[in-house]
Protein backbone atom coordinates (compact mmCIF):
# COMPACT_ATOMS: atom_id res chain seq x y z
CA MET A 1 28.37 9.20 -8.54
CA PRO A 2 25.77 11.16 -10.54
CA LEU A 3 22.20 9.98 -10.88
CA PRO A 4 21.27 8.25 -14.15
CA ASP A 5 20.43 10.62 -16.98
CA ARG A 6 16.86 9.37 -17.12
CA PRO A 7 13.77 9.35 -14.88
CA PHE A 8 13.33 6.99 -11.96
CA ASN A 9 10.94 4.41 -13.43
CA ILE A 10 8.20 2.65 -11.45
CA VAL A 11 5.87 -0.11 -12.64
CA ALA A 12 2.76 -1.20 -10.74
CA ILE A 13 1.21 -4.63 -11.31
CA GLY A 14 -1.49 -6.39 -9.36
CA ASP A 15 -5.16 -6.54 -8.47
CA SER A 16 -7.86 -4.07 -7.44
CA VAL A 17 -5.98 -2.88 -4.34
CA MET A 18 -2.95 -1.95 -6.45
CA TRP A 19 -5.28 -0.47 -9.08
CA GLY A 20 -6.94 1.72 -6.45
CA GLN A 21 -10.54 0.52 -6.86
CA GLY A 22 -12.98 3.38 -6.41
CA LEU A 23 -10.33 6.11 -6.27
CA ARG A 24 -9.69 8.94 -8.68
CA PRO A 25 -6.22 8.70 -10.25
CA GLU A 26 -4.75 11.51 -8.14
CA HIS A 27 -5.82 9.73 -4.93
CA LYS A 28 -4.40 6.28 -5.69
CA PHE A 29 -1.51 5.23 -3.50
CA THR A 30 0.66 4.47 -6.52
CA ARG A 31 0.35 8.10 -7.61
CA LEU A 32 1.04 9.32 -4.05
CA VAL A 33 4.17 7.17 -3.89
CA SER A 34 5.51 8.64 -7.12
CA GLN A 35 4.88 12.19 -5.91
CA ARG A 36 6.56 11.64 -2.56
CA LEU A 37 9.57 9.91 -4.09
CA GLU A 38 9.95 12.75 -6.58
CA THR A 39 10.21 15.12 -3.62
CA ILE A 40 12.72 12.93 -1.77
CA LEU A 41 14.89 12.12 -4.79
CA ASP A 42 14.57 15.60 -6.30
CA HIS A 43 14.44 13.79 -9.61
CA GLU A 44 11.83 13.08 -12.29
CA ILE A 45 9.65 10.04 -11.62
CA ARG A 46 7.80 8.07 -14.27
CA ILE A 47 5.19 5.54 -13.23
CA ASN A 48 3.12 3.12 -15.26
CA GLU A 49 0.01 2.42 -13.17
CA ASP A 50 -2.29 1.23 -15.95
CA LEU A 51 -1.54 -2.51 -15.76
CA PRO A 52 -3.29 -3.53 -12.50
CA HIS A 53 -7.01 -4.12 -12.63
CA SER A 54 -9.89 -5.34 -10.53
CA GLY A 55 -10.13 -9.10 -10.19
CA ALA A 56 -6.63 -9.93 -11.46
CA HIS A 57 -5.35 -13.42 -10.67
CA ILE A 58 -1.66 -14.12 -10.18
CA THR A 59 -1.89 -17.40 -12.08
CA PRO A 60 -1.97 -17.03 -15.88
CA ALA A 61 -4.83 -18.35 -17.96
CA SER A 62 -4.54 -21.85 -19.42
CA ASP A 63 -5.74 -20.38 -22.72
CA PRO A 64 -3.48 -17.49 -23.87
CA ILE A 65 -6.42 -16.00 -25.77
CA LEU A 66 -8.06 -15.11 -22.45
CA GLU A 67 -5.05 -13.00 -21.46
CA GLU A 68 -5.68 -10.74 -24.46
CA ARG A 69 -9.49 -10.87 -24.53
CA PHE A 70 -10.03 -8.61 -21.49
CA ARG A 71 -6.96 -6.42 -21.86
CA THR A 72 -8.73 -3.28 -23.10
CA MET A 73 -11.42 -3.22 -20.41
CA PRO A 74 -11.30 -0.41 -17.81
CA GLY A 75 -9.33 -1.21 -14.66
CA GLU A 76 -12.45 -0.78 -12.50
CA VAL A 77 -14.20 -3.69 -14.23
CA PRO A 78 -13.49 -6.99 -12.44
CA ARG A 79 -12.16 -9.91 -14.50
CA PRO A 80 -9.35 -12.41 -13.87
CA TYR A 81 -7.19 -11.57 -16.88
CA PRO A 82 -4.73 -10.24 -17.89
CA SER A 83 -3.17 -12.13 -15.00
CA ILE A 84 -0.47 -10.50 -12.89
CA VAL A 85 2.07 -12.78 -14.59
CA LYS A 86 0.88 -11.39 -17.94
CA GLN A 87 1.05 -7.84 -16.56
CA ALA A 88 4.70 -8.50 -15.68
CA GLU A 89 5.34 -9.63 -19.24
CA ILE A 90 3.76 -6.45 -20.62
CA ALA A 91 5.76 -4.36 -18.14
CA ARG A 92 9.04 -5.49 -19.70
CA SER A 93 8.61 -2.99 -22.52
CA VAL A 94 6.79 -0.05 -20.90
CA PHE A 95 10.05 1.88 -20.41
CA GLY A 96 11.97 0.38 -23.33
CA THR A 97 13.77 -2.51 -21.66
CA PRO A 98 13.37 -4.37 -18.34
CA GLU A 99 16.71 -2.93 -17.20
CA GLU A 100 15.18 0.56 -17.18
CA VAL A 101 12.68 -0.38 -14.45
CA ASP A 102 13.88 0.75 -11.01
CA LEU A 103 10.96 -0.10 -8.74
CA ILE A 104 8.10 -2.60 -9.02
CA LEU A 105 5.01 -2.35 -6.83
CA VAL A 106 3.10 -5.63 -6.75
CA ASP A 107 0.33 -7.40 -4.88
CA GLY A 108 -1.85 -10.43 -5.54
CA GLY A 109 -3.53 -13.53 -4.19
CA ILE A 110 -6.95 -12.41 -2.99
CA ASP A 111 -8.65 -12.83 -6.35
CA ASP A 112 -7.16 -16.27 -6.98
CA MET A 113 -9.14 -17.46 -3.93
CA HIS A 114 -12.15 -15.23 -4.84
CA GLY A 115 -12.12 -12.42 -2.29
CA PRO A 116 -15.84 -12.38 -1.37
CA LYS A 117 -15.39 -15.87 0.10
CA ILE A 118 -13.59 -14.23 3.03
CA VAL A 119 -16.96 -12.95 4.24
CA ASP A 120 -18.94 -15.99 3.16
CA PRO A 121 -20.53 -17.66 6.21
CA THR A 122 -20.50 -21.06 4.48
CA VAL A 123 -16.70 -21.32 4.91
CA ASP A 124 -14.57 -21.10 8.07
CA PRO A 125 -11.26 -19.49 9.20
CA ASP A 126 -9.24 -22.64 8.48
CA TRP A 127 -10.44 -22.66 4.87
CA VAL A 128 -9.48 -18.99 4.55
CA ARG A 129 -6.00 -19.67 5.95
CA ARG A 130 -5.40 -22.58 3.58
CA GLN A 131 -6.39 -20.50 0.57
CA ALA A 132 -4.26 -17.55 1.69
CA GLU A 133 -1.25 -19.82 2.14
CA MET A 134 -1.75 -21.38 -1.28
CA TYR A 135 -1.92 -18.16 -3.26
CA CYS A 136 -0.10 -15.55 -1.17
CA ARG A 137 2.81 -17.88 -0.49
CA GLY A 138 3.06 -20.33 -3.37
CA SER A 139 1.78 -18.24 -6.27
CA MET A 140 3.44 -15.03 -5.06
CA GLU A 141 6.80 -16.75 -4.59
CA ASN A 142 6.70 -17.99 -8.19
CA LEU A 143 5.76 -14.50 -9.40
CA LEU A 144 8.60 -12.86 -7.45
CA ARG A 145 11.12 -15.30 -8.89
CA GLU A 146 10.04 -14.30 -12.39
CA LEU A 147 10.14 -10.58 -11.60
CA LEU A 148 13.60 -10.73 -10.03
CA ALA A 149 14.99 -12.72 -12.94
CA GLN A 150 13.47 -10.51 -15.64
CA PHE A 151 13.92 -7.05 -14.06
CA THR A 152 17.54 -7.37 -13.03
CA ASN A 153 17.99 -3.78 -11.80
CA ALA A 154 14.67 -3.41 -10.01
CA ARG A 155 13.79 -3.43 -6.33
CA ILE A 156 10.32 -4.70 -5.45
CA VAL A 157 7.77 -3.71 -2.82
CA VAL A 158 5.02 -6.25 -2.12
CA THR A 159 1.98 -4.61 -0.53
CA GLY A 160 -0.15 -6.48 1.98
CA TYR A 161 -3.86 -6.84 2.61
CA PHE A 162 -6.23 -5.95 5.47
CA PRO A 163 -9.17 -7.41 7.43
CA LEU A 164 -12.68 -6.76 6.12
CA ILE A 165 -15.13 -7.29 8.99
CA SER A 166 -14.51 -6.77 12.72
CA GLU A 167 -16.56 -6.84 15.91
CA GLN A 168 -16.97 -3.08 15.41
CA THR A 169 -18.72 -3.48 12.06
CA PRO A 170 -22.31 -2.35 12.83
CA LEU A 171 -24.91 -5.10 12.90
CA PHE A 172 -27.16 -3.07 10.58
CA ALA A 173 -24.46 -3.26 7.88
CA LEU A 174 -24.45 -7.06 7.79
CA PRO A 175 -27.73 -7.86 5.96
CA GLN A 176 -26.91 -5.70 2.95
CA THR A 177 -23.36 -7.05 3.06
CA LEU A 178 -24.64 -10.61 2.92
CA VAL A 179 -26.92 -9.88 -0.02
CA ALA A 180 -24.06 -8.12 -1.83
CA VAL A 181 -21.75 -11.09 -1.20
CA ALA A 182 -24.45 -13.44 -2.45
CA ILE A 183 -24.64 -11.36 -5.64
CA MET A 184 -20.86 -11.41 -6.01
CA LEU A 185 -20.76 -15.17 -5.48
CA ALA A 186 -23.78 -15.68 -7.78
CA SER A 187 -25.41 -17.76 -5.06
CA PRO A 188 -28.77 -17.58 -3.29
CA PRO A 189 -29.04 -15.42 -0.14
CA PHE A 190 -27.72 -17.13 2.95
CA ALA A 191 -29.99 -18.50 5.62
CA LEU A 192 -30.92 -16.02 8.32
CA ILE A 193 -28.80 -16.53 11.42
CA SER A 194 -28.06 -14.44 14.47
CA LEU A 195 -26.36 -11.23 13.34
CA ILE A 196 -24.18 -11.21 16.45
CA LEU A 197 -22.94 -14.75 15.76
CA LEU A 198 -22.56 -13.92 12.09
CA ARG A 199 -20.43 -10.86 12.80
CA ARG A 200 -18.22 -12.89 15.10
CA GLN A 201 -17.70 -15.55 12.43
CA LEU A 202 -16.95 -13.07 9.66
CA ALA A 203 -14.61 -11.12 11.93
CA GLU A 204 -12.69 -14.33 12.67
CA GLN A 205 -12.48 -15.16 8.98
CA SER A 206 -11.32 -11.62 8.17
CA GLN A 207 -8.68 -11.76 10.87
CA ALA A 208 -7.53 -15.15 9.59
CA TRP A 209 -7.23 -13.69 6.08
CA TRP A 210 -5.27 -10.65 7.24
CA GLU A 211 -2.85 -12.59 9.37
CA GLN A 212 -2.28 -15.50 7.01
CA SER A 213 -2.10 -13.50 3.77
CA ASN A 214 0.49 -11.09 5.12
CA GLN A 215 2.49 -13.86 6.81
CA SER A 216 2.47 -15.83 3.56
CA LEU A 217 3.52 -12.83 1.46
CA GLN A 218 6.44 -12.24 3.82
CA ALA A 219 7.37 -15.92 3.66
CA ALA A 220 7.46 -15.67 -0.13
CA ILE A 221 9.79 -12.66 0.18
CA ARG A 222 12.09 -14.49 2.59
CA ALA A 223 12.25 -17.42 0.18
CA VAL A 224 13.40 -15.38 -2.83
CA ASN A 225 15.62 -12.67 -1.34
CA PRO A 226 18.64 -14.94 -0.69
CA LEU A 227 18.45 -16.24 -4.26
CA PHE A 228 18.59 -12.80 -5.91
CA ARG A 229 21.06 -10.74 -3.95
CA SER A 230 21.43 -6.97 -4.29
CA ALA A 231 24.46 -5.50 -6.02
CA ARG A 232 25.72 -4.60 -2.54
CA ARG A 233 25.44 -7.61 -0.29
CA GLY A 234 23.79 -7.09 3.05
CA THR A 235 23.17 -9.36 5.98
CA GLY A 236 20.02 -10.84 4.52
CA GLY A 237 17.04 -11.02 6.86
CA ASP A 238 14.70 -8.14 7.44
CA PRO A 239 14.77 -6.92 11.07
CA TRP A 240 11.53 -5.00 10.45
CA GLU A 241 9.53 -7.98 9.34
CA GLY A 242 5.91 -7.07 8.83
CA TYR A 243 5.08 -3.40 8.87
CA PRO A 244 8.15 -1.19 8.45
CA PRO A 245 8.31 1.28 11.38
CA PRO A 246 10.16 4.57 11.25
CA PRO A 247 13.96 4.13 11.41
CA PRO A 248 15.35 3.88 14.94
CA ALA A 249 16.79 6.96 16.62
CA PRO A 250 19.43 8.12 17.01
CA ALA A 251 21.64 5.34 15.68
CA PRO A 252 22.36 3.45 13.58
CA THR A 253 21.30 5.66 10.69
CA THR A 254 22.09 2.91 8.18
CA LEU A 255 20.31 -0.44 8.38
CA PRO A 256 21.44 -3.69 6.75
CA ASP A 257 20.64 -4.10 3.08
CA PRO A 258 17.28 -5.90 3.15
CA GLY A 259 17.69 -7.51 -0.27
CA ARG A 260 15.72 -6.70 -3.41
CA VAL A 261 12.21 -7.28 -2.06
CA LEU A 262 10.43 -5.71 0.92
CA PHE A 263 6.94 -6.00 2.35
CA ALA A 264 4.74 -2.94 2.96
CA GLY A 265 1.60 -3.43 5.02
CA VAL A 266 -0.94 -1.18 6.67
CA ARG A 267 -1.95 -1.34 10.32
CA PHE A 268 -5.66 -1.95 10.73
CA LYS A 269 -7.62 -1.58 13.96
CA PRO A 270 -11.12 -3.01 14.50
CA GLU A 271 -12.60 0.47 14.05
CA ASN A 272 -10.98 0.67 10.59
CA CYS A 273 -12.88 -2.32 9.18
CA TYR A 274 -16.00 -2.25 7.05
CA ALA A 275 -18.66 0.33 8.07
CA ALA A 276 -17.06 0.84 11.51
CA ASP A 277 -16.81 4.33 13.03
CA ASP A 278 -13.40 5.04 11.53
CA THR A 279 -13.58 2.79 8.49
CA LEU A 280 -10.83 2.85 5.90
CA LEU A 281 -12.92 0.99 3.32
CA TRP A 282 -15.56 1.95 0.79
CA LYS A 283 -19.08 0.98 1.88
CA ILE A 284 -22.35 -0.20 0.33
CA GLU A 285 -25.35 2.11 0.68
CA PRO A 286 -28.95 2.10 -0.61
CA ASP A 287 -29.49 3.18 -4.19
CA PRO A 288 -33.13 4.31 -4.45
CA GLY A 289 -34.84 4.04 -7.77
CA PRO A 290 -35.68 1.34 -10.29
CA HIS A 291 -32.42 -0.60 -10.17
CA LEU A 292 -31.85 -4.31 -10.60
CA ILE A 293 -29.35 -4.08 -7.71
CA PRO A 294 -30.75 -1.54 -5.19
CA TRP A 295 -27.37 -0.69 -3.68
CA LYS A 296 -24.35 1.35 -4.65
CA THR A 297 -20.93 2.08 -3.17
CA ASP A 298 -19.75 5.40 -1.73
CA ASP A 299 -16.53 5.59 -3.77
CA GLU A 300 -15.29 8.37 -6.06
CA VAL A 301 -15.69 6.77 -9.50
CA ARG A 302 -18.95 4.83 -9.10
CA GLU A 303 -20.65 6.32 -12.14
CA ASP A 304 -17.67 5.80 -14.41
CA ARG A 305 -17.38 2.20 -13.26
CA GLU A 306 -21.08 1.53 -13.84
CA ARG A 307 -20.76 2.81 -17.41
CA GLY A 308 -17.76 0.54 -17.89
CA CYS A 309 -19.71 -2.39 -16.45
CA VAL A 310 -22.55 -1.84 -18.92
CA ALA A 311 -20.18 -1.49 -21.86
CA SER A 312 -18.27 -4.64 -20.89
CA ALA A 313 -21.23 -6.78 -19.73
CA ALA A 314 -21.38 -8.96 -22.83
CA ASP A 315 -17.71 -9.92 -22.56
CA LEU A 316 -17.36 -10.35 -18.79
CA PRO A 317 -17.02 -13.83 -17.31
CA ALA A 318 -20.34 -14.98 -15.84
CA GLU A 319 -18.98 -14.98 -12.28
CA ASP A 320 -17.71 -11.38 -12.52
CA ALA A 321 -20.65 -9.62 -14.20
CA PRO A 322 -22.98 -9.50 -11.13
CA MET A 323 -20.34 -7.95 -8.84
CA CYS A 324 -19.22 -5.20 -11.23
CA LYS A 325 -21.44 -2.42 -9.86
CA LEU A 326 -20.51 -3.07 -6.21
CA SER A 327 -16.88 -4.04 -6.78
CA ALA A 328 -15.46 -1.04 -4.89
CA ALA A 329 -16.97 -2.26 -1.60
CA PHE A 330 -14.38 -3.36 1.01
CA HIS A 331 -11.58 -1.55 -0.87
CA PRO A 332 -9.27 1.15 0.55
CA ASN A 333 -10.69 4.66 0.63
CA ARG A 334 -8.61 7.84 0.37
CA GLU A 335 -7.35 7.72 3.93
CA CYS A 336 -6.32 4.09 3.56
CA ALA A 337 -4.54 4.84 0.26
CA ASP A 338 -2.54 7.47 2.11
CA LEU A 339 -1.47 4.84 4.67
CA TYR A 340 -0.41 2.49 1.88
CA ALA A 341 1.68 5.26 0.32
CA ASP A 342 3.40 5.93 3.67
CA SER A 343 4.29 2.27 4.07
CA VAL A 344 5.63 1.91 0.51
CA VAL A 345 7.74 5.07 0.79
CA SER A 346 9.15 3.79 4.08
CA ALA A 347 10.27 0.60 2.32
CA VAL A 348 11.79 2.53 -0.58
CA LEU A 349 13.76 4.70 1.84
CA ARG A 350 15.33 1.54 3.19
CA PHE A 351 16.28 0.56 -0.35
CA LEU A 352 17.79 3.99 -1.08
CA GLN A 353 20.37 3.62 1.67
CA HIS A 354 21.92 0.76 -0.33
CA TRP A 355 20.89 1.69 -3.88
CA ASP A 356 24.13 2.78 -5.56
CA THR A 357 22.34 3.76 -8.78
CA TRP A 358 20.28 6.42 -6.99
CA LYS A 359 22.72 8.00 -4.51
CA PRO A 360 24.09 10.52 -3.91
CA ARG A 361 22.44 13.24 -5.95
CA SER A 362 24.36 14.74 -8.86
CA GLY A 363 26.42 17.80 -7.95
CA SER A 364 25.87 17.41 -4.21
CA PRO A 365 28.51 16.17 -1.80
CA ALA A 366 27.18 13.40 0.40
CA SER A 367 25.99 14.68 3.76
CA PRO A 368 25.38 11.69 6.02
CA ALA A 369 22.84 12.17 8.78
CA GLY A 370 25.67 12.03 11.31
CA THR A 371 27.06 15.28 9.85
CA LEU A 372 23.77 17.17 10.09
CA ASP A 373 22.56 19.11 13.11
CA VAL A 374 18.77 19.41 13.08
CA SER A 375 16.47 21.47 15.28
CA PHE A 376 13.31 23.53 15.25
CA ALA A 377 13.91 27.19 14.42
CA PRO A 378 13.31 29.59 17.37
CA GLY A 379 9.72 30.77 17.32
CA PHE A 380 8.70 27.83 15.11
CA GLU A 381 8.55 25.07 17.72
CA PRO A 382 5.53 22.74 17.66
CA ILE A 383 2.52 23.04 19.91
CA ILE A 384 2.25 19.53 21.34
CA PHE A 385 -1.05 17.97 22.34
CA VAL A 386 -0.85 14.95 24.65
CA GLY A 387 -3.96 12.84 24.88
CA PRO A 388 -5.07 9.22 25.26
CA ASP A 389 -5.68 8.90 21.54
CA THR A 390 -3.74 10.34 18.60
CA ARG A 391 -7.00 11.08 16.77
CA PHE A 392 -8.29 13.57 19.36
CA ARG A 393 -9.51 16.64 17.57
CA GLN A 394 -8.52 19.13 20.29
CA ALA A 395 -4.96 19.32 18.97
CA GLN A 396 -4.08 22.61 17.30
CA PRO A 397 -1.95 22.82 14.13
CA SER A 398 1.52 24.32 14.48
CA LYS A 399 3.56 26.39 12.06
CA VAL A 400 7.00 24.82 12.34
CA LYS A 401 10.37 25.21 10.67
CA VAL A 402 13.18 22.67 10.83
CA ILE A 403 16.77 23.83 10.43
CA ALA A 404 19.40 21.41 9.10
CA VAL A 405 23.04 22.52 9.32
CA ASP A 406 25.99 20.76 7.70
CA ARG A 407 28.57 20.42 10.49
CA ALA A 408 31.50 20.50 8.08
CA THR A 409 30.59 23.83 6.45
CA GLY A 410 28.27 25.35 9.05
CA GLU A 411 25.80 26.10 6.26
CA GLU A 412 22.11 25.37 6.24
CA VAL A 413 20.98 22.76 3.74
CA LYS A 414 17.54 22.18 2.26
CA ARG A 415 16.45 18.55 2.57
CA PRO A 416 13.10 16.76 2.89
CA VAL A 417 11.57 16.65 6.37
CA LEU A 418 9.63 13.48 7.13
CA ILE A 419 7.13 13.26 9.98
CA ASN A 420 5.98 9.71 10.66
CA ARG A 421 7.46 8.66 7.30
CA LYS A 422 5.51 11.21 5.26
CA VAL A 423 7.14 14.20 3.58
CA ALA A 424 5.83 17.21 5.51
CA GLY A 425 8.07 19.91 4.06
CA PHE A 426 11.68 20.98 3.61
CA SER A 427 14.26 22.18 6.08
CA GLY A 428 14.46 25.97 6.06
CA ASP A 429 10.81 26.36 5.02
CA ASP A 430 7.92 26.69 7.44
CA PHE A 431 5.00 24.30 7.16
CA ILE A 432 1.88 23.33 9.10
CA TYR A 433 1.61 20.12 11.12
CA THR A 434 -0.55 18.96 14.02
CA PHE A 435 1.56 17.26 16.68
CA ARG A 436 -0.58 14.70 18.50
CA CYS A 437 1.20 12.68 21.16
CA MET A 438 -0.11 9.68 23.03
CA LYS A 439 0.46 8.53 26.58
CA ALA A 440 1.72 4.97 26.49
CA ARG A 441 1.92 2.57 29.39
CA GLY A 442 3.79 4.03 32.30
CA GLU A 443 5.08 7.56 31.84
CA GLU A 444 6.27 7.25 28.23
CA THR A 445 4.84 9.74 25.73
CA ILE A 446 4.87 8.76 22.05
CA CYS A 447 5.08 11.72 19.67
CA PRO A 448 5.46 11.98 15.89
CA ILE A 449 8.98 11.12 14.72
CA VAL A 450 10.63 14.00 12.85
CA MET A 451 13.53 13.16 10.51
CA VAL A 452 15.61 15.01 7.95
CA VAL A 453 16.79 12.89 5.02
CA SER A 454 20.41 13.56 4.11
CA ASP A 455 21.84 13.57 0.58
CA ASP A 456 22.68 9.88 0.81
CA TYR A 457 19.36 8.99 2.40
CA GLN A 458 20.43 8.60 5.99
CA PHE A 459 18.05 9.79 8.70
CA ALA A 460 18.84 12.65 11.09
CA VAL A 461 16.27 12.37 13.87
CA LEU A 462 15.14 15.57 15.57
CA GLU A 463 14.83 15.25 19.34
CA TYR A 464 12.12 17.41 20.94
């Protein structure tokens, strides 16, 4: 069956994480997803990524006028509306009709509960969990029902959230963080308490947010998937609940149809939280000079955002105006955006195995992974570094080439090569990759997983 005679259409809706707060357009994970899918599908991709914005609530405004009032503001400027429900309504016409939308990327919930409250020492972990359950379960479930009913041909990926503070957040980062949160909450500075105790409390609240928000988002997905089945019925439940890992090797190469909605999360370690040694989040830093707020963020579009804040100040809601300048703090940086893109692409690959509209490619006979022999070309094998940590810098990059041979014809085929779910190159072409392996418990060594994607999106795993 040939591919549709039109581009593969993606719509993104959501809050500041989906918008890519602080990132230049080419570094946002939505853009990275479209680029990687274009490589895998070998087909034109169109993406509308202009609808998400900082501060977006899932729940629509009680006054419809508010949904239109803030619509023309830049995405970097925080405000609650247009709501994500309103964004979905607008998305119905971005590609002509809702039936033309193939993939929806969506998030939401953190702004409904007012995100800075997660690191507010006047609340506690139980309060954070209750709020996460209310908005990431209840409000998201209602939103997904609307999306599935309106966009009848679309698959949906719901992206998760992350913890903000951990025990590895430096103590020196906490005072400026507290003042910034006080500004964002338009409240007086908090009473001085032990920084060690404060860090422990905020780390517990952040962990509670991460766990409960992602559990609640997945619960919302489980609630709606049985009600809106795929065109090809599968077995229902998602065996990879949570963070989708690479497909198992060597078999089966086809997994059950997961339904029309999947979750895509990012793995966060304590050292990835705010201001830690290997942080994945934008930080606050001093801003010397005569400024009303003597701090700034270390993101890529700070100056553009500040100009947008000034231009929009008169129209911003009172609670959002003070936080505008620092609104990139605690948001994913470039490295984190890359991880989000990996996770989303992994979910979409699971969809493609059961997505009749988009397989196999026009003019190409299907070549299931079971009919492909894959190996490294002689002289292009990887140099493997084995260490206690995959981030060790001693590893040397390798020039590698993967060969994929169709067993039926004996001919080499050119297909995307994925390493740890990211497109690294194509079979038959050499490319550079650093193979870092990690010693696990016992004698097991964990190395990057190398796969070749066949014409019908099965996975041929290369053993090495």
